Amino acid sequence: MIETSVPHRPATAPRRRGAQRQPALPAIDPTAEAPGVVTEGPPAVRYRRPRKAAPAKAPAKPDRTPPPPVFHPLAYRSVVAAWSLESRERWGRRANELEDHGLSWRDAETQAFVEVWNDLRRSGGFADPDEVA
């Protein structure tokens, strides 16, 4: 069996862990002034690097939700409260019939009020406050 040898690094000076190598610079006299350096006058102006701009914010989306519905008090209810029990029952039954035929409860009550009110006025069962004077 032939052994192959692994190439080794050339032998160098032993390295110490944690020791930094010093660059080979010529010795500088600390009392001598460096050429081209001005020691008098204002200090050199230094500029700050501008900050990066923040990403542009997307414009706010408009609020497209509809406003809440406004419910006004139903004016005919105070008139219905003054009717007799039979007239109120007739109004309620007629409103239920109209609602069963597809009208909303508000429209059904309003339509039933108009019908019962007109019947009461024709039959003389309820005095019209506008005509009593």
N, C-alpha and C. Protein backbone atom coordinates (compact mmCIF):
# COMPACT_ATOMS: atom_id res chain seq x y z
N MET A 1 0.83 -1.16 0.00
CA MET A 1 0.00 0.00 0.00
C MET A 1 0.88 1.24 0.00
N ILE A 2 0.53 2.17 -0.87
CA ILE A 2 1.34 3.38 -1.00
C ILE A 2 0.67 4.49 -0.21
N GLU A 3 1.45 5.15 0.56
CA GLU A 3 0.92 6.27 1.33
C GLU A 3 1.14 7.54 0.54
N THR A 4 0.09 8.31 0.43
CA THR A 4 0.23 9.61 -0.23
C THR A 4 0.38 10.66 0.85
N SER A 5 1.23 11.54 0.59
CA SER A 5 1.45 12.56 1.60
C SER A 5 0.56 13.77 1.31
N VAL A 6 0.11 14.38 2.36
CA VAL A 6 -0.73 15.57 2.25
C VAL A 6 0.21 16.76 2.22
N PRO A 7 0.04 17.67 1.28
CA PRO A 7 0.95 18.82 1.25
C PRO A 7 0.78 19.65 2.51
N HIS A 8 1.88 20.05 3.09
CA HIS A 8 1.87 20.86 4.29
C HIS A 8 2.20 22.29 3.96
N ARG A 9 1.79 23.16 4.86
CA ARG A 9 2.16 24.57 4.71
C ARG A 9 3.64 24.72 4.94
N PRO A 10 4.19 25.71 4.29
CA PRO A 10 5.61 25.94 4.57
C PRO A 10 5.76 26.43 6.00
N ALA A 11 6.77 26.08 6.59
CA ALA A 11 7.00 26.46 7.98
C ALA A 11 7.23 27.96 8.06
N THR A 12 6.47 28.62 8.95
CA THR A 12 6.62 30.05 9.18
C THR A 12 6.83 30.27 10.65
N ALA A 13 6.95 31.52 10.99
CA ALA A 13 7.13 31.84 12.40
C ALA A 13 5.87 31.43 13.15
N PRO A 14 6.02 30.98 14.35
CA PRO A 14 4.83 30.56 15.09
C PRO A 14 3.91 31.74 15.36
N ARG A 15 2.63 31.49 15.21
CA ARG A 15 1.64 32.55 15.42
C ARG A 15 1.12 32.46 16.84
N ARG A 16 0.98 33.61 17.43
CA ARG A 16 0.40 33.63 18.76
C ARG A 16 -1.06 34.03 18.64
N ARG A 17 -1.87 33.38 19.35
CA ARG A 17 -3.29 33.66 19.31
C ARG A 17 -3.59 35.00 19.98
N GLY A 18 -4.41 35.83 19.33
CA GLY A 18 -4.80 37.11 19.90
C GLY A 18 -3.81 38.22 19.64
N ALA A 19 -2.67 37.94 19.08
CA ALA A 19 -1.70 38.99 18.81
C ALA A 19 -1.94 39.52 17.41
N GLN A 20 -2.00 40.83 17.27
CA GLN A 20 -2.20 41.43 15.95
C GLN A 20 -0.83 41.74 15.35
N ARG A 21 -0.80 41.63 14.09
CA ARG A 21 0.46 41.95 13.42
C ARG A 21 0.52 43.44 13.19
N GLN A 22 1.65 44.00 13.37
CA GLN A 22 1.87 45.42 13.16
C GLN A 22 2.31 45.63 11.72
N PRO A 23 1.73 46.67 11.06
CA PRO A 23 2.20 46.94 9.70
C PRO A 23 3.63 47.48 9.74
N ALA A 24 4.32 47.19 8.73
CA ALA A 24 5.71 47.64 8.67
C ALA A 24 5.75 49.07 8.15
N LEU A 25 5.68 50.07 9.05
CA LEU A 25 5.73 51.47 8.69
C LEU A 25 7.06 52.04 9.18
N PRO A 26 7.51 53.06 8.49
CA PRO A 26 8.74 53.68 8.96
C PRO A 26 8.47 54.39 10.28
N ALA A 27 9.43 54.52 11.09
CA ALA A 27 9.28 55.19 12.37
C ALA A 27 8.97 56.66 12.14
N ILE A 28 7.97 57.19 12.85
CA ILE A 28 7.55 58.57 12.68
C ILE A 28 7.91 59.32 13.95
N ASP A 29 8.43 60.50 13.75
CA ASP A 29 8.77 61.34 14.88
C ASP A 29 7.50 62.03 15.34
N PRO A 30 7.00 61.80 16.56
CA PRO A 30 5.74 62.40 16.98
C PRO A 30 5.82 63.91 17.15
N THR A 31 7.00 64.48 17.26
CA THR A 31 7.11 65.93 17.41
C THR A 31 7.14 66.64 16.08
N ALA A 32 7.40 65.93 15.01
CA ALA A 32 7.47 66.57 13.69
C ALA A 32 6.07 66.71 13.11
N GLU A 33 5.84 67.82 12.36
CA GLU A 33 4.54 68.04 11.72
C GLU A 33 4.47 67.26 10.43
N ALA A 34 3.30 66.78 10.15
CA ALA A 34 3.10 66.05 8.90
C ALA A 34 2.99 67.06 7.77
N PRO A 35 3.51 66.76 6.61
CA PRO A 35 3.43 67.71 5.50
C PRO A 35 1.99 67.83 5.00
N GLY A 36 1.56 69.08 4.69
CA GLY A 36 0.23 69.33 4.13
C GLY A 36 -0.86 69.44 5.16
N VAL A 37 -0.57 69.35 6.43
CA VAL A 37 -1.59 69.44 7.47
C VAL A 37 -1.55 70.85 8.04
N VAL A 38 -2.68 71.51 8.05
CA VAL A 38 -2.77 72.85 8.58
C VAL A 38 -3.17 72.74 10.04
N THR A 39 -2.40 73.33 10.90
CA THR A 39 -2.71 73.25 12.31
C THR A 39 -3.47 74.47 12.80
N GLU A 40 -3.47 75.55 12.02
CA GLU A 40 -4.18 76.76 12.41
C GLU A 40 -5.42 76.93 11.55
N GLY A 41 -6.37 77.76 12.02
CA GLY A 41 -7.58 78.05 11.25
C GLY A 41 -8.74 77.19 11.70
N PRO A 42 -9.90 77.38 11.05
CA PRO A 42 -11.09 76.64 11.46
C PRO A 42 -10.93 75.16 11.14
N PRO A 43 -11.62 74.35 11.89
CA PRO A 43 -11.53 72.91 11.61
C PRO A 43 -12.19 72.59 10.27
N ALA A 44 -11.82 71.50 9.75
CA ALA A 44 -12.39 71.07 8.47
C ALA A 44 -13.89 70.83 8.63
N VAL A 45 -14.67 71.19 7.61
CA VAL A 45 -16.13 71.02 7.66
C VAL A 45 -16.45 69.57 7.34
N ARG A 46 -17.31 69.01 8.17
CA ARG A 46 -17.73 67.64 7.93
C ARG A 46 -19.24 67.64 7.71
N TYR A 47 -19.68 66.93 6.73
CA TYR A 47 -21.09 66.86 6.40
C TYR A 47 -21.66 65.52 6.85
N ARG A 48 -22.89 65.57 7.29
CA ARG A 48 -23.57 64.32 7.64
C ARG A 48 -24.19 63.73 6.39
N ARG A 49 -24.16 62.46 6.33
CA ARG A 49 -24.81 61.78 5.22
C ARG A 49 -26.32 61.90 5.39
N PRO A 50 -27.04 62.32 4.37
CA PRO A 50 -28.50 62.45 4.53
C PRO A 50 -29.13 61.09 4.80
N ARG A 51 -30.18 61.13 5.60
CA ARG A 51 -30.89 59.89 5.90
C ARG A 51 -31.69 59.45 4.71
N LYS A 52 -31.91 58.17 4.65
CA LYS A 52 -32.74 57.65 3.58
C LYS A 52 -34.19 58.05 3.84
N ALA A 53 -34.86 58.40 2.79
CA ALA A 53 -36.26 58.80 2.92
C ALA A 53 -37.10 57.60 3.29
N ALA A 54 -38.08 57.84 4.15
CA ALA A 54 -39.00 56.78 4.52
C ALA A 54 -39.88 56.45 3.32
N PRO A 55 -40.33 55.22 3.22
CA PRO A 55 -41.20 54.89 2.08
C PRO A 55 -42.47 55.73 2.14
N ALA A 56 -42.93 56.13 0.97
CA ALA A 56 -44.12 56.97 0.89
C ALA A 56 -45.33 56.20 1.40
N LYS A 57 -46.13 56.87 2.21
CA LYS A 57 -47.33 56.23 2.74
C LYS A 57 -48.42 56.28 1.68
N ALA A 58 -49.15 55.20 1.62
CA ALA A 58 -50.27 55.15 0.67
C ALA A 58 -51.35 56.10 1.15
N PRO A 59 -52.01 56.78 0.23
CA PRO A 59 -53.08 57.69 0.67
C PRO A 59 -54.19 56.90 1.34
N ALA A 60 -54.80 57.53 2.31
CA ALA A 60 -55.87 56.87 3.06
C ALA A 60 -57.04 56.57 2.12
N LYS A 61 -57.56 55.37 2.25
CA LYS A 61 -58.70 54.99 1.41
C LYS A 61 -59.95 55.70 1.91
N PRO A 62 -60.77 56.19 0.99
CA PRO A 62 -61.98 56.87 1.44
C PRO A 62 -62.94 55.89 2.11
N ASP A 63 -63.64 56.38 3.09
CA ASP A 63 -64.60 55.56 3.81
C ASP A 63 -65.85 55.41 2.96
N ARG A 64 -66.11 54.20 2.51
CA ARG A 64 -67.26 53.97 1.63
C ARG A 64 -68.44 53.33 2.34
N THR A 65 -68.37 53.26 3.65
CA THR A 65 -69.50 52.69 4.37
C THR A 65 -70.64 53.71 4.39
N PRO A 66 -71.83 53.28 4.11
CA PRO A 66 -72.94 54.22 4.10
C PRO A 66 -73.25 54.70 5.53
N PRO A 67 -73.81 55.89 5.64
CA PRO A 67 -74.15 56.36 6.98
C PRO A 67 -75.26 55.50 7.57
N PRO A 68 -75.33 55.42 8.88
CA PRO A 68 -76.39 54.60 9.48
C PRO A 68 -77.75 55.18 9.15
N PRO A 69 -78.76 54.33 9.03
CA PRO A 69 -80.09 54.84 8.69
C PRO A 69 -80.64 55.71 9.82
N VAL A 70 -81.41 56.70 9.41
CA VAL A 70 -82.02 57.60 10.37
C VAL A 70 -83.48 57.19 10.52
N PHE A 71 -83.86 56.86 11.73
CA PHE A 71 -85.23 56.46 11.99
C PHE A 71 -85.97 57.61 12.65
N HIS A 72 -86.93 58.14 11.94
CA HIS A 72 -87.75 59.20 12.50
C HIS A 72 -88.95 58.56 13.19
N PRO A 73 -89.44 59.18 14.24
CA PRO A 73 -90.62 58.60 14.88
C PRO A 73 -91.79 58.59 13.90
N LEU A 74 -92.55 57.53 13.93
CA LEU A 74 -93.67 57.39 13.00
C LEU A 74 -94.83 58.25 13.51
N ALA A 75 -95.19 59.23 12.70
CA ALA A 75 -96.17 60.23 13.13
C ALA A 75 -97.56 59.63 13.34
N TYR A 76 -97.93 58.61 12.58
CA TYR A 76 -99.28 58.07 12.68
C TYR A 76 -99.51 57.27 13.95
N ARG A 77 -98.46 56.87 14.64
CA ARG A 77 -98.64 56.04 15.83
C ARG A 77 -99.37 56.79 16.94
N SER A 78 -99.14 58.08 17.06
CA SER A 78 -99.87 58.83 18.10
C SER A 78 -101.35 58.92 17.75
N VAL A 79 -101.67 58.93 16.45
CA VAL A 79 -103.08 58.95 16.03
C VAL A 79 -103.71 57.59 16.28
N VAL A 80 -102.97 56.52 15.99
CA VAL A 80 -103.49 55.16 16.20
C VAL A 80 -103.75 54.93 17.69
N ALA A 81 -102.94 55.52 18.55
CA ALA A 81 -103.11 55.32 19.99
C ALA A 81 -104.45 55.88 20.48
N ALA A 82 -105.01 56.86 19.76
CA ALA A 82 -106.29 57.46 20.17
C ALA A 82 -107.48 56.68 19.61
N TRP A 83 -107.28 55.70 18.75
CA TRP A 83 -108.38 54.94 18.17
C TRP A 83 -108.94 53.95 19.19
N SER A 84 -110.10 53.44 18.86
CA SER A 84 -110.71 52.41 19.71
C SER A 84 -109.96 51.09 19.50
N LEU A 85 -110.20 50.14 20.40
CA LEU A 85 -109.52 48.85 20.29
C LEU A 85 -109.84 48.13 18.99
N GLU A 86 -111.10 48.23 18.55
CA GLU A 86 -111.49 47.55 17.31
C GLU A 86 -110.76 48.15 16.11
N SER A 87 -110.64 49.49 16.09
CA SER A 87 -109.94 50.15 14.97
C SER A 87 -108.45 49.81 14.98
N ARG A 88 -107.85 49.77 16.15
CA ARG A 88 -106.42 49.42 16.22
C ARG A 88 -106.19 47.98 15.78
N GLU A 89 -107.13 47.08 16.18
CA GLU A 89 -106.97 45.68 15.77
C GLU A 89 -107.11 45.56 14.26
N ARG A 90 -108.05 46.29 13.69
CA ARG A 90 -108.24 46.28 12.24
C ARG A 90 -106.98 46.79 11.53
N TRP A 91 -106.39 47.87 12.07
CA TRP A 91 -105.15 48.43 11.51
C TRP A 91 -104.01 47.40 11.59
N GLY A 92 -103.85 46.72 12.71
CA GLY A 92 -102.79 45.74 12.89
C GLY A 92 -102.94 44.54 11.98
N ARG A 93 -104.18 44.06 11.83
CA ARG A 93 -104.40 42.90 10.95
C ARG A 93 -104.11 43.26 9.49
N ARG A 94 -104.56 44.47 9.09
CA ARG A 94 -104.32 44.89 7.70
C ARG A 94 -102.81 45.08 7.46
N ALA A 95 -102.07 45.61 8.45
CA ALA A 95 -100.63 45.78 8.30
C ALA A 95 -99.95 44.42 8.16
N ASN A 96 -100.41 43.42 8.93
CA ASN A 96 -99.84 42.07 8.83
C ASN A 96 -100.10 41.46 7.46
N GLU A 97 -101.31 41.69 6.91
CA GLU A 97 -101.63 41.17 5.57
C GLU A 97 -100.70 41.77 4.53
N LEU A 98 -100.52 43.09 4.60
CA LEU A 98 -99.66 43.76 3.61
C LEU A 98 -98.21 43.30 3.75
N GLU A 99 -97.79 43.06 4.98
CA GLU A 99 -96.42 42.58 5.18
C GLU A 99 -96.26 41.16 4.63
N ASP A 100 -97.29 40.33 4.75
CA ASP A 100 -97.24 38.98 4.18
C ASP A 100 -97.17 39.01 2.67
N HIS A 101 -97.67 40.08 2.06
CA HIS A 101 -97.63 40.21 0.60
C HIS A 101 -96.32 40.82 0.11
N GLY A 102 -95.37 41.11 1.03
CA GLY A 102 -94.04 41.54 0.59
C GLY A 102 -93.63 42.95 0.96
N LEU A 103 -94.50 43.73 1.55
CA LEU A 103 -94.09 45.08 1.94
C LEU A 103 -93.24 45.01 3.22
N SER A 104 -92.38 46.02 3.40
CA SER A 104 -91.64 46.09 4.64
C SER A 104 -92.61 46.46 5.76
N TRP A 105 -92.22 46.24 7.01
CA TRP A 105 -93.15 46.49 8.11
C TRP A 105 -93.52 47.96 8.20
N ARG A 106 -92.59 48.85 7.88
CA ARG A 106 -92.90 50.28 7.92
C ARG A 106 -93.91 50.65 6.84
N ASP A 107 -93.64 50.18 5.63
CA ASP A 107 -94.56 50.48 4.53
C ASP A 107 -95.93 49.85 4.77
N ALA A 108 -95.94 48.64 5.31
CA ALA A 108 -97.21 47.95 5.58
C ALA A 108 -98.02 48.71 6.63
N GLU A 109 -97.37 49.18 7.71
CA GLU A 109 -98.09 49.94 8.74
C GLU A 109 -98.61 51.25 8.19
N THR A 110 -97.80 51.91 7.37
CA THR A 110 -98.23 53.20 6.80
C THR A 110 -99.42 53.00 5.88
N GLN A 111 -99.34 52.01 5.01
CA GLN A 111 -100.45 51.75 4.08
C GLN A 111 -101.71 51.36 4.85
N ALA A 112 -101.58 50.52 5.86
CA ALA A 112 -102.75 50.12 6.65
C ALA A 112 -103.33 51.33 7.37
N PHE A 113 -102.50 52.23 7.87
CA PHE A 113 -102.99 53.43 8.54
C PHE A 113 -103.83 54.29 7.59
N VAL A 114 -103.31 54.48 6.37
CA VAL A 114 -104.04 55.30 5.40
C VAL A 114 -105.40 54.69 5.10
N GLU A 115 -105.44 53.36 4.89
CA GLU A 115 -106.69 52.70 4.56
C GLU A 115 -107.70 52.80 5.72
N VAL A 116 -107.27 52.47 6.95
CA VAL A 116 -108.18 52.49 8.09
C VAL A 116 -108.60 53.93 8.41
N TRP A 117 -107.68 54.87 8.31
CA TRP A 117 -107.99 56.29 8.58
C TRP A 117 -109.07 56.79 7.62
N ASN A 118 -108.90 56.48 6.32
CA ASN A 118 -109.91 56.92 5.34
C ASN A 118 -111.26 56.27 5.61
N ASP A 119 -111.28 54.97 5.97
CA ASP A 119 -112.55 54.31 6.28
C ASP A 119 -113.22 54.94 7.51
N LEU A 120 -112.42 55.26 8.54
CA LEU A 120 -112.97 55.88 9.75
C LEU A 120 -113.52 57.27 9.44
N ARG A 121 -112.87 58.02 8.64
CA ARG A 121 -113.34 59.37 8.30
C ARG A 121 -114.64 59.30 7.50
N ARG A 122 -114.72 58.34 6.56
CA ARG A 122 -115.94 58.22 5.74
C ARG A 122 -117.14 57.79 6.57
N SER A 123 -116.88 56.85 7.51
CA SER A 123 -118.00 56.33 8.31
C SER A 123 -118.35 57.25 9.47
N GLY A 124 -117.54 58.26 9.72
CA GLY A 124 -117.82 59.18 10.81
C GLY A 124 -117.41 58.62 12.16
N GLY A 125 -116.59 57.56 12.19
CA GLY A 125 -116.16 56.96 13.45
C GLY A 125 -115.05 57.74 14.14
N PHE A 126 -114.45 58.68 13.42
CA PHE A 126 -113.37 59.46 14.03
C PHE A 126 -113.47 60.87 13.48
N ALA A 127 -113.46 61.83 14.34
CA ALA A 127 -113.55 63.22 13.92
C ALA A 127 -112.19 63.69 13.47
N ASP A 128 -112.13 64.34 12.30
CA ASP A 128 -110.89 64.88 11.77
C ASP A 128 -110.55 66.16 12.55
N PRO A 129 -109.41 66.22 13.22
CA PRO A 129 -109.11 67.41 14.01
C PRO A 129 -108.95 68.65 13.15
N ASP A 130 -108.63 68.53 11.87
CA ASP A 130 -108.47 69.69 11.00
C ASP A 130 -109.81 70.29 10.63
N GLU A 131 -110.87 69.46 10.58
CA GLU A 131 -112.18 69.97 10.19
C GLU A 131 -113.00 70.43 11.37
N VAL A 132 -112.60 70.12 12.60
CA VAL A 132 -113.34 70.55 13.78
C VAL A 132 -112.85 71.94 14.14
N ALA A 133 -113.71 72.92 13.90
CA ALA A 133 -113.29 74.28 14.26
C ALA A 133 -114.49 75.12 14.53
